[in-house]
Structure formats: C-alpha cells, structure tokens
C-alpha cells in the first residue's frame, strides 16, 4: 500500500532502498491528485504521512486512461520505484484496475 511504502522509506531509507529501489512493484492507494505535465500523467497517492506521498508517473498508454480516474478513488498501480525525496517516486506506471 502507499502507506506501507512511505512508512518504510521514512523510517529506514537504506533498508527500503534494498527492498524497492529499481524494482517493479504493485501499489494500492487513494488518489489525492491527478495531473498531466509535459503530456505525462502523474497520480499522487495519499498516505498517512503528513510530509510525503507516493507520486506515480504514468506511461504514455496509462496517461490516456487518467481521465477515467477520480480523486478519492482507490487504485492499483504497477511501476518502477526510483527512490524517495520526501515523496516515493514510481515511474512507467500502469493502471491495474
């Protein structure tokens, strides 16, 4: 879940990097923001952490589907974890549900 990955990174970034970094992961969470920047969709998943979220940068195909999503909706995404800078970043994400 989005909460688990943000908690793992915020409590021990080194250990979390060993588990998640550069790996394809599937993550579920609640949509808090939907954006399109430079023709790429970005879904922000809400977490219990006041300072960090999970940012999912969508693939081109998934960006075409972003209009079907709504804020507050629960989604499952699959992508590559590229690390943690206040937010956990996933790239090349596909929408699974």
PDB file of N, CA and C in Angstrom:
ATOM      1  N   UNK A   1       0.843  -1.185   0.000  1.00  0.00           N
ATOM      2  CA  UNK A   1       0.000   0.000   0.000  1.00  0.00           C
ATOM      3  C   UNK A   1       0.888   1.249   0.000  1.00  0.00           C
ATOM      4  N   UNK A   2       0.287   2.363  -0.336  1.00  0.00           N
ATOM      5  CA  UNK A   2       1.008   3.639  -0.319  1.00  0.00           C
ATOM      6  C   UNK A   2       1.512   3.947   1.092  1.00  0.00           C
ATOM      7  N   UNK A   3       0.698   3.664   2.101  1.00  0.00           N
ATOM      8  CA  UNK A   3       1.115   3.924   3.488  1.00  0.00           C
ATOM      9  C   UNK A   3       2.321   3.080   3.874  1.00  0.00           C
ATOM     10  N   UNK A   4       2.324   1.823   3.490  1.00  0.00           N
ATOM     11  CA  UNK A   4       3.435   0.943   3.861  1.00  0.00           C
ATOM     12  C   UNK A   4       4.741   1.427   3.241  1.00  0.00           C
ATOM     13  N   UNK A   5       4.736   1.750   1.958  1.00  0.00           N
ATOM     14  CA  UNK A   5       5.989   2.129   1.303  1.00  0.00           C
ATOM     15  C   UNK A   5       6.515   3.461   1.847  1.00  0.00           C
ATOM     16  N   UNK A   6       5.643   4.429   2.114  1.00  0.00           N
ATOM     17  CA  UNK A   6       6.115   5.716   2.655  1.00  0.00           C
ATOM     18  C   UNK A   6       6.653   5.521   4.068  1.00  0.00           C
ATOM     19  N   UNK A   7       6.000   4.679   4.855  1.00  0.00           N
ATOM     20  CA  UNK A   7       6.481   4.408   6.217  1.00  0.00           C
ATOM     21  C   UNK A   7       7.822   3.686   6.194  1.00  0.00           C
ATOM     22  N   UNK A   8       7.982   2.727   5.264  1.00  0.00           N
ATOM     23  CA  UNK A   8       9.252   2.006   5.145  1.00  0.00           C
ATOM     24  C   UNK A   8      10.381   2.974   4.810  1.00  0.00           C
ATOM     25  N   UNK A   9      10.150   3.871   3.848  1.00  0.00           N
ATOM     26  CA  UNK A   9      11.190   4.821   3.461  1.00  0.00           C
ATOM     27  C   UNK A   9      11.463   5.854   4.550  1.00  0.00           C
ATOM     28  N   UNK A  10      10.427   6.359   5.204  1.00  0.00           N
ATOM     29  CA  UNK A  10      10.656   7.403   6.204  1.00  0.00           C
ATOM     30  C   UNK A  10      11.298   6.846   7.474  1.00  0.00           C
ATOM     31  N   UNK A  11      11.090   5.575   7.781  1.00  0.00           N
ATOM     32  CA  UNK A  11      11.699   5.013   8.992  1.00  0.00           C
ATOM     33  C   UNK A  11      13.119   4.506   8.742  1.00  0.00           C
ATOM     34  N   UNK A  12      13.398   3.943   7.555  1.00  0.00           N
ATOM     35  CA  UNK A  12      14.755   3.447   7.261  1.00  0.00           C
ATOM     36  C   UNK A  12      14.958   3.436   5.744  1.00  0.00           C
ATOM     37  N   UNK A  13      15.431   4.578   5.220  1.00  0.00           N
ATOM     38  CA  UNK A  13      15.558   4.727   3.770  1.00  0.00           C
ATOM     39  C   UNK A  13      16.527   3.708   3.166  1.00  0.00           C
ATOM     40  N   UNK A  14      17.625   3.406   3.860  1.00  0.00           N
ATOM     41  CA  UNK A  14      18.606   2.454   3.330  1.00  0.00           C
ATOM     42  C   UNK A  14      18.003   1.068   3.166  1.00  0.00           C
ATOM     43  N   UNK A  15      17.290   0.609   4.185  1.00  0.00           N
ATOM     44  CA  UNK A  15      16.648  -0.708   4.112  1.00  0.00           C
ATOM     45  C   UNK A  15      15.561  -0.719   3.040  1.00  0.00           C
ATOM     46  N   UNK A  16      14.788   0.360   2.953  1.00  0.00           N
ATOM     47  CA  UNK A  16      13.715   0.439   1.955  1.00  0.00           C
ATOM     48  C   UNK A  16      14.286   0.437   0.537  1.00  0.00           C
ATOM     49  N   UNK A  17      15.428   1.115   0.343  1.00  0.00           N
ATOM     50  CA  UNK A  17      16.068   1.113  -0.972  1.00  0.00           C
ATOM     51  C   UNK A  17      16.420  -0.312  -1.406  1.00  0.00           C
ATOM     52  N   UNK A  18      16.882  -1.137  -0.458  1.00  0.00           N
ATOM     53  CA  UNK A  18      17.233  -2.528  -0.785  1.00  0.00           C
ATOM     54  C   UNK A  18      16.005  -3.321  -1.220  1.00  0.00           C
ATOM     55  N   UNK A  19      14.855  -2.991  -0.651  1.00  0.00           N
ATOM     56  CA  UNK A  19      13.622  -3.720  -0.958  1.00  0.00           C
ATOM     57  C   UNK A  19      12.972  -3.228  -2.255  1.00  0.00           C
ATOM     58  N   UNK A  20      12.935  -1.901  -2.446  1.00  0.00           N
ATOM     59  CA  UNK A  20      12.108  -1.331  -3.512  1.00  0.00           C
ATOM     60  C   UNK A  20      12.860  -0.725  -4.699  1.00  0.00           C
ATOM     61  N   UNK A  21      14.060  -0.179  -4.478  1.00  0.00           N
ATOM     62  CA  UNK A  21      14.728   0.635  -5.494  1.00  0.00           C
ATOM     63  C   UNK A  21      14.974  -0.142  -6.789  1.00  0.00           C
ATOM     64  N   UNK A  22      14.571   0.462  -7.912  1.00  0.00           N
ATOM     65  CA  UNK A  22      14.746  -0.097  -9.263  1.00  0.00           C
ATOM     66  C   UNK A  22      13.996  -1.409  -9.476  1.00  0.00           C
ATOM     67  N   UNK A  23      13.003  -1.681  -8.628  1.00  0.00           N
ATOM     68  CA  UNK A  23      12.199  -2.891  -8.794  1.00  0.00           C
ATOM     69  C   UNK A  23      10.792  -2.515  -9.236  1.00  0.00           C
ATOM     70  N   UNK A  24      10.169  -3.425  -9.968  1.00  0.00           N
ATOM     71  CA  UNK A  24       8.772  -3.233 -10.372  1.00  0.00           C
ATOM     72  C   UNK A  24       7.910  -3.646  -9.186  1.00  0.00           C
ATOM     73  N   UNK A  25       7.064  -2.711  -8.739  1.00  0.00           N
ATOM     74  CA  UNK A  25       6.186  -3.019  -7.610  1.00  0.00           C
ATOM     75  C   UNK A  25       4.748  -2.666  -7.965  1.00  0.00           C
ATOM     76  N   UNK A  26       3.837  -3.344  -7.289  1.00  0.00           N
ATOM     77  CA  UNK A  26       2.418  -3.027  -7.438  1.00  0.00           C
ATOM     78  C   UNK A  26       1.989  -2.361  -6.136  1.00  0.00           C
ATOM     79  N   UNK A  27       1.269  -1.258  -6.266  1.00  0.00           N
ATOM     80  CA  UNK A  27       0.914  -0.467  -5.085  1.00  0.00           C
ATOM     81  C   UNK A  27      -0.551  -0.053  -5.160  1.00  0.00           C
ATOM     82  N   UNK A  28      -1.202  -0.046  -4.009  1.00  0.00           N
ATOM     83  CA  UNK A  28      -2.593   0.424  -3.983  1.00  0.00           C
ATOM     84  C   UNK A  28      -2.667   1.636  -3.066  1.00  0.00           C
ATOM     85  N   UNK A  29      -3.611   2.504  -3.371  1.00  0.00           N
ATOM     86  CA  UNK A  29      -3.785   3.683  -2.546  1.00  0.00           C
ATOM     87  C   UNK A  29      -4.948   4.525  -3.037  1.00  0.00           C
ATOM     88  N   UNK A  30      -5.180   5.614  -2.314  1.00  0.00           N
ATOM     89  CA  UNK A  30      -6.264   6.531  -2.633  1.00  0.00           C
ATOM     90  C   UNK A  30      -5.705   7.722  -3.404  1.00  0.00           C
ATOM     91  N   UNK A  31      -6.348   8.040  -4.521  1.00  0.00           N
ATOM     92  CA  UNK A  31      -5.905   9.155  -5.364  1.00  0.00           C
ATOM     93  C   UNK A  31      -6.164  10.474  -4.639  1.00  0.00           C
ATOM     94  N   UNK A  32      -5.103  11.292  -4.468  1.00  0.00           N
ATOM     95  CA  UNK A  32      -5.299  12.620  -3.879  1.00  0.00           C
ATOM     96  C   UNK A  32      -5.120  13.721  -4.922  1.00  0.00           C
ATOM     97  N   UNK A  33      -4.379  13.433  -6.009  1.00  0.00           N
ATOM     98  CA  UNK A  33      -4.214  14.415  -7.085  1.00  0.00           C
ATOM     99  C   UNK A  33      -4.044  13.692  -8.416  1.00  0.00           C
ATOM    100  N   UNK A  34      -4.538  14.333  -9.462  1.00  0.00           N
ATOM    101  CA  UNK A  34      -4.357  13.859 -10.835  1.00  0.00           C
ATOM    102  C   UNK A  34      -3.825  15.030 -11.646  1.00  0.00           C
ATOM    103  N   UNK A  35      -2.660  14.858 -12.253  1.00  0.00           N
ATOM    104  CA  UNK A  35      -2.056  15.940 -13.038  1.00  0.00           C
ATOM    105  C   UNK A  35      -1.527  15.404 -14.358  1.00  0.00           C
ATOM    106  N   UNK A  36      -1.427  16.295 -15.322  1.00  0.00           N
ATOM    107  CA  UNK A  36      -0.722  15.971 -16.560  1.00  0.00           C
ATOM    108  C   UNK A  36       0.311  17.074 -16.774  1.00  0.00           C
ATOM    109  N   UNK A  37       1.579  16.672 -16.807  1.00  0.00           N
ATOM    110  CA  UNK A  37       2.675  17.610 -17.025  1.00  0.00           C
ATOM    111  C   UNK A  37       3.505  17.100 -18.195  1.00  0.00           C
ATOM    112  N   UNK A  38       3.732  17.961 -19.177  1.00  0.00           N
ATOM    113  CA  UNK A  38       4.510  17.592 -20.365  1.00  0.00           C
ATOM    114  C   UNK A  38       3.976  16.298 -20.990  1.00  0.00           C
ATOM    115  N   UNK A  39       2.649  16.225 -21.120  1.00  0.00           N
ATOM    116  CA  UNK A  39       1.948  15.095 -21.736  1.00  0.00           C
ATOM    117  C   UNK A  39       2.112  13.773 -20.985  1.00  0.00           C
ATOM    118  N   UNK A  40       2.543  13.837 -19.720  1.00  0.00           N
ATOM    119  CA  UNK A  40       2.658  12.626 -18.902  1.00  0.00           C
ATOM    120  C   UNK A  40       1.755  12.763 -17.686  1.00  0.00           C
ATOM    121  N   UNK A  41       0.982  11.721 -17.427  1.00  0.00           N
ATOM    122  CA  UNK A  41       0.097  11.730 -16.269  1.00  0.00           C
ATOM    123  C   UNK A  41       0.853  11.433 -14.987  1.00  0.00           C
ATOM    124  N   UNK A  42       0.448  12.103 -13.923  1.00  0.00           N
ATOM    125  CA  UNK A  42       1.018  11.859 -12.597  1.00  0.00           C
ATOM    126  C   UNK A  42      -0.135  11.672 -11.617  1.00  0.00           C
ATOM    127  N   UNK A  43      -0.147  10.522 -10.966  1.00  0.00           N
ATOM    128  CA  UNK A  43      -1.148  10.244  -9.935  1.00  0.00           C
ATOM    129  C   UNK A  43      -0.452  10.328  -8.586  1.00  0.00           C
ATOM    130  N   UNK A  44      -1.010  11.140  -7.683  1.00  0.00           N
ATOM    131  CA  UNK A  44      -0.489  11.231  -6.326  1.00  0.00           C
ATOM    132  C   UNK A  44      -1.375  10.383  -5.427  1.00  0.00           C
ATOM    133  N   UNK A  45      -0.750   9.442  -4.716  1.00  0.00           N
ATOM    134  CA  UNK A  45      -1.478   8.604  -3.769  1.00  0.00           C
ATOM    135  C   UNK A  45      -1.285   9.172  -2.369  1.00  0.00           C
ATOM    136  N   UNK A  46      -2.405   9.341  -1.673  1.00  0.00           N
ATOM    137  CA  UNK A  46      -2.435   9.880  -0.318  1.00  0.00           C
ATOM    138  C   UNK A  46      -1.839   8.858   0.655  1.00  0.00           C
ATOM    139  N   UNK A  47      -1.131   9.366   1.666  1.00  0.00           N
ATOM    140  CA  UNK A  47      -0.604   8.488   2.721  1.00  0.00           C
ATOM    141  C   UNK A  47      -0.956   9.078   4.085  1.00  0.00           C
ATOM    142  N   UNK A  48      -0.664   8.320   5.128  1.00  0.00           N
ATOM    143  CA  UNK A  48      -0.862   8.818   6.490  1.00  0.00           C
ATOM    144  C   UNK A  48       0.269   9.731   6.926  1.00  0.00           C
ATOM    145  N   UNK A  49       1.304   9.854   6.095  1.00  0.00           N
ATOM    146  CA  UNK A  49       2.457  10.700   6.396  1.00  0.00           C
ATOM    147  C   UNK A  49       2.139  12.132   5.970  1.00  0.00           C
ATOM    148  N   UNK A  50       2.228  13.075   6.904  1.00  0.00           N
ATOM    149  CA  UNK A  50       1.878  14.472   6.606  1.00  0.00           C
ATOM    150  C   UNK A  50       2.814  15.121   5.594  1.00  0.00           C
ATOM    151  N   UNK A  51       4.021  14.602   5.469  1.00  0.00           N
ATOM    152  CA  UNK A  51       5.029  15.257   4.637  1.00  0.00           C
ATOM    153  C   UNK A  51       5.289  14.550   3.315  1.00  0.00           C
ATOM    154  N   UNK A  52       4.811  13.329   3.145  1.00  0.00           N
ATOM    155  CA  UNK A  52       5.147  12.604   1.927  1.00  0.00           C
ATOM    156  C   UNK A  52       3.979  11.846   1.344  1.00  0.00           C
ATOM    157  N   UNK A  53       4.022  11.702   0.031  1.00  0.00           N
ATOM    158  CA  UNK A  53       3.032  10.918  -0.701  1.00  0.00           C
ATOM    159  C   UNK A  53       3.768   9.977  -1.631  1.00  0.00           C
ATOM    160  N   UNK A  54       3.017   9.251  -2.428  1.00  0.00           N
ATOM    161  CA  UNK A  54       3.602   8.407  -3.460  1.00  0.00           C
ATOM    162  C   UNK A  54       3.218   9.026  -4.800  1.00  0.00           C
ATOM    163  N   UNK A  55       4.231   9.414  -5.588  1.00  0.00           N
ATOM    164  CA  UNK A  55       3.999  10.006  -6.903  1.00  0.00           C
ATOM    165  C   UNK A  55       4.217   8.942  -7.962  1.00  0.00           C
ATOM    166  N   UNK A  56       3.187   8.698  -8.756  1.00  0.00           N
ATOM    167  CA  UNK A  56       3.249   7.677  -9.786  1.00  0.00           C
ATOM    168  C   UNK A  56       3.208   8.350 -11.157  1.00  0.00           C
ATOM    169  N   UNK A  57       4.342   8.320 -11.839  1.00  0.00           N
ATOM    170  CA  UNK A  57       4.445   8.887 -13.184  1.00  0.00           C
ATOM    171  C   UNK A  57       3.999   7.815 -14.177  1.00  0.00           C
ATOM    172  N   UNK A  58       2.968   8.120 -14.931  1.00  0.00           N
ATOM    173  CA  UNK A  58       2.348   7.124 -15.796  1.00  0.00           C
ATOM    174  C   UNK A  58       3.082   6.951 -17.122  1.00  0.00           C
ATOM    175  N   UNK A  59       2.913   5.759 -17.702  1.00  0.00           N
ATOM    176  CA  UNK A  59       3.388   5.514 -19.060  1.00  0.00           C
ATOM    177  C   UNK A  59       2.472   6.282 -20.022  1.00  0.00           C
ATOM    178  N   UNK A  60       2.869   6.368 -21.296  1.00  0.00           N
ATOM    179  CA  UNK A  60       2.028   7.071 -22.278  1.00  0.00           C
ATOM    180  C   UNK A  60       0.646   6.434 -22.385  1.00  0.00           C
ATOM    181  N   UNK A  61       0.592   5.094 -22.427  1.00  0.00           N
ATOM    182  CA  UNK A  61      -0.702   4.404 -22.536  1.00  0.00           C
ATOM    183  C   UNK A  61      -1.578   4.672 -21.317  1.00  0.00           C
ATOM    184  N   UNK A  62      -0.978   4.620 -20.133  1.00  0.00           N
ATOM    185  CA  UNK A  62      -1.747   4.839 -18.906  1.00  0.00           C
ATOM    186  C   UNK A  62      -2.220   6.288 -18.807  1.00  0.00           C
ATOM    187  N   UNK A  63      -1.422   7.230 -19.342  1.00  0.00           N
ATOM    188  CA  UNK A  63      -1.822   8.642 -19.319  1.00  0.00           C
ATOM    189  C   UNK A  63      -3.143   8.838 -20.055  1.00  0.00           C
ATOM    190  N   UNK A  64      -3.375   8.062 -21.097  1.00  0.00           N
ATOM    191  CA  UNK A  64      -4.629   8.160 -21.855  1.00  0.00           C
ATOM    192  C   UNK A  64      -5.835   7.768 -20.999  1.00  0.00           C
ATOM    193  N   UNK A  65      -5.603   6.968 -19.959  1.00  0.00           N
ATOM    194  CA  UNK A  65      -6.696   6.472 -19.113  1.00  0.00           C
ATOM    195  C   UNK A  65      -6.921   7.335 -17.870  1.00  0.00           C
ATOM    196  N   UNK A  66      -6.081   8.367 -17.655  1.00  0.00           N
ATOM    197  CA  UNK A  66      -6.146   9.140 -16.406  1.00  0.00           C
ATOM    198  C   UNK A  66      -7.500   9.835 -16.238  1.00  0.00           C
ATOM    199  N   UNK A  67      -8.147  10.178 -17.358  1.00  0.00           N
ATOM    200  CA  UNK A  67      -9.435  10.885 -17.271  1.00  0.00           C
ATOM    201  C   UNK A  67     -10.539  10.009 -16.676  1.00  0.00           C
ATOM    202  N   UNK A  68     -10.337   8.689 -16.632  1.00  0.00           N
ATOM    203  CA  UNK A  68     -11.354   7.799 -16.059  1.00  0.00           C
ATOM    204  C   UNK A  68     -11.243   7.720 -14.532  1.00  0.00           C
ATOM    205  N   UNK A  69     -10.193   8.309 -13.968  1.00  0.00           N
ATOM    206  CA  UNK A  69      -9.991   8.256 -12.519  1.00  0.00           C
ATOM    207  C   UNK A  69     -10.566   9.485 -11.831  1.00  0.00           C
ATOM    208  N   UNK A  70     -10.862   9.324 -10.541  1.00  0.00           N
ATOM    209  CA  UNK A  70     -11.396  10.422  -9.753  1.00  0.00           C
ATOM    210  C   UNK A  70     -10.617  10.530  -8.448  1.00  0.00           C
ATOM    211  N   UNK A  71     -10.505  11.758  -7.933  1.00  0.00           N
ATOM    212  CA  UNK A  71      -9.877  11.966  -6.629  1.00  0.00           C
ATOM    213  C   UNK A  71     -10.723  11.258  -5.571  1.00  0.00           C
ATOM    214  N   UNK A  72     -10.051  10.559  -4.662  1.00  0.00           N
ATOM    215  CA  UNK A  72     -10.744   9.798  -3.627  1.00  0.00           C
ATOM    216  C   UNK A  72     -10.936   8.341  -3.984  1.00  0.00           C
ATOM    217  N   UNK A  73     -10.698   8.012  -5.256  1.00  0.00           N
ATOM    218  CA  UNK A  73     -10.850   6.636  -5.723  1.00  0.00           C
ATOM    219  C   UNK A  73      -9.630   5.809  -5.301  1.00  0.00           C
ATOM    220  N   UNK A  74      -9.846   4.529  -5.003  1.00  0.00           N
ATOM    221  CA  UNK A  74      -8.743   3.620  -4.711  1.00  0.00           C
ATOM    222  C   UNK A  74      -8.269   3.012  -6.022  1.00  0.00           C
ATOM    223  N   UNK A  75      -6.962   3.040  -6.233  1.00  0.00           N
ATOM    224  CA  UNK A  75      -6.393   2.491  -7.467  1.00  0.00           C
ATOM    225  C   UNK A  75      -5.268   1.524  -7.136  1.00  0.00           C
ATOM    226  N   UNK A  76      -4.980   0.658  -8.095  1.00  0.00           N
ATOM    227  CA  UNK A  76      -3.820  -0.228  -8.028  1.00  0.00           C
ATOM    228  C   UNK A  76      -2.948   0.131  -9.223  1.00  0.00           C
ATOM    229  N   UNK A  77      -1.690   0.427  -8.945  1.00  0.00           N
ATOM    230  CA  UNK A  77      -0.743   0.822  -9.981  1.00  0.00           C
ATOM    231  C   UNK A  77       0.472  -0.089  -9.919  1.00  0.00           C
ATOM    232  N   UNK A  78       1.109  -0.264 -11.080  1.00  0.00           N
ATOM    233  CA  UNK A  78       2.325  -1.055 -11.142  1.00  0.00           C
ATOM    234  C   UNK A  78       3.381  -0.205 -11.830  1.00  0.00           C
ATOM    235  N   UNK A  79       4.564  -0.077 -11.211  1.00  0.00           N
ATOM    236  CA  UNK A  79       5.616   0.741 -11.796  1.00  0.00           C
ATOM    237  C   UNK A  79       6.964   0.453 -11.160  1.00  0.00           C
ATOM    238  N   UNK A  80       7.977   1.193 -11.604  1.00  0.00           N
ATOM    239  CA  UNK A  80       9.346   1.021 -11.121  1.00  0.00           C
ATOM    240  C   UNK A  80       9.636   2.085 -10.062  1.00  0.00           C
ATOM    241  N   UNK A  81      10.060   1.653  -8.894  1.00  0.00           N
ATOM    242  CA  UNK A  81      10.393   2.584  -7.811  1.00  0.00           C
ATOM    243  C   UNK A  81      11.775   3.178  -8.072  1.00  0.00           C
ATOM    244  N   UNK A  82      11.844   4.519  -8.144  1.00  0.00           N
ATOM    245  CA  UNK A  82      13.132   5.176  -8.397  1.00  0.00           C
ATOM    246  C   UNK A  82      13.682   5.885  -7.166  1.00  0.00           C
ATOM    247  N   UNK A  83      13.001   5.794  -6.040  1.00  0.00           N
ATOM    248  CA  UNK A  83      13.564   6.349  -4.817  1.00  0.00           C
ATOM    249  C   UNK A  83      12.629   7.256  -4.041  1.00  0.00           C
ATOM    250  N   UNK A  84      13.246   8.000  -3.124  1.00  0.00           N
ATOM    251  CA  UNK A  84      12.497   8.740  -2.112  1.00  0.00           C
ATOM    252  C   UNK A  84      13.136  10.110  -1.907  1.00  0.00           C
ATOM    253  N   UNK A  85      12.355  11.160  -2.149  1.00  0.00           N
ATOM    254  CA  UNK A  85      12.755  12.543  -1.856  1.00  0.00           C
ATOM    255  C   UNK A  85      11.524  13.209  -1.251  1.00  0.00           C
ATOM    256  N   UNK A  86      11.296  13.025   0.010  1.00  0.00           N
ATOM    257  CA  UNK A  86      10.056  13.433   0.690  1.00  0.00           C
ATOM    258  C   UNK A  86       8.867  12.589   0.208  1.00  0.00           C
ATOM    259  N   UNK A  87       8.762  12.387  -1.097  1.00  0.00           N
ATOM    260  CA  UNK A  87       7.747  11.502  -1.682  1.00  0.00           C
ATOM    261  C   UNK A  87       8.456  10.276  -2.252  1.00  0.00           C
ATOM    262  N   UNK A  88       7.737   9.151  -2.296  1.00  0.00           N
ATOM    263  CA  UNK A  88       8.257   7.978  -3.000  1.00  0.00           C
ATOM    264  C   UNK A  88       7.887   8.151  -4.467  1.00  0.00           C
ATOM    265  N   UNK A  89       8.831   7.897  -5.368  1.00  0.00           N
ATOM    266  CA  UNK A  89       8.618   8.114  -6.796  1.00  0.00           C
ATOM    267  C   UNK A  89       8.567   6.770  -7.526  1.00  0.00           C
ATOM    268  N   UNK A  90       7.519   6.595  -8.326  1.00  0.00           N
ATOM    269  CA  UNK A  90       7.413   5.447  -9.218  1.00  0.00           C
ATOM    270  C   UNK A  90       7.301   5.975 -10.639  1.00  0.00           C
ATOM    271  N   UNK A  91       7.930   5.277 -11.591  1.00  0.00           N
ATOM    272  CA  UNK A  91       7.881   5.681 -12.996  1.00  0.00           C
ATOM    273  C   UNK A  91       7.365   4.532 -13.853  1.00  0.00           C
ATOM    274  N   UNK A  92       6.982   4.879 -15.086  1.00  0.00           N
ATOM    275  CA  UNK A  92       6.491   3.897 -16.067  1.00  0.00           C
ATOM    276  C   UNK A  92       5.293   3.129 -15.513  1.00  0.00           C
ATOM    277  N   UNK A  93       4.431   3.806 -14.774  1.00  0.00           N
ATOM    278  CA  UNK A  93       3.312   3.146 -14.101  1.00  0.00           C
ATOM    279  C   UNK A  93       2.189   2.814 -15.061  1.00  0.00           C
ATOM    280  N   UNK A  94       1.565   1.697 -14.797  1.00  0.00           N
ATOM    281  CA  UNK A  94       0.357   1.251 -15.489  1.00  0.00           C
ATOM    282  C   UNK A  94      -0.774   1.182 -14.469  1.00  0.00           C
ATOM    283  N   UNK A  95      -1.969   1.516 -14.907  1.00  0.00           N
ATOM    284  CA  UNK A  95      -3.156   1.424 -14.042  1.00  0.00           C
ATOM    285  C   UNK A  95      -3.682   0.001 -14.130  1.00  0.00           C
ATOM    286  N   UNK A  96      -3.812  -0.681 -12.984  1.00  0.00           N
ATOM    287  CA  UNK A  96      -4.190  -2.089 -12.977  1.00  0.00           C
ATOM    288  C   UNK A  96      -5.697  -2.306 -12.778  1.00  0.00           C
ATOM    289  N   UNK A  97      -6.445  -1.296 -12.328  1.00  0.00           N
ATOM    290  CA  UNK A  97      -7.880  -1.538 -12.117  1.00  0.00           C
ATOM    291  C   UNK A  97      -8.726  -0.515 -12.849  1.00  0.00           C
TER     292      UNK A  97
END
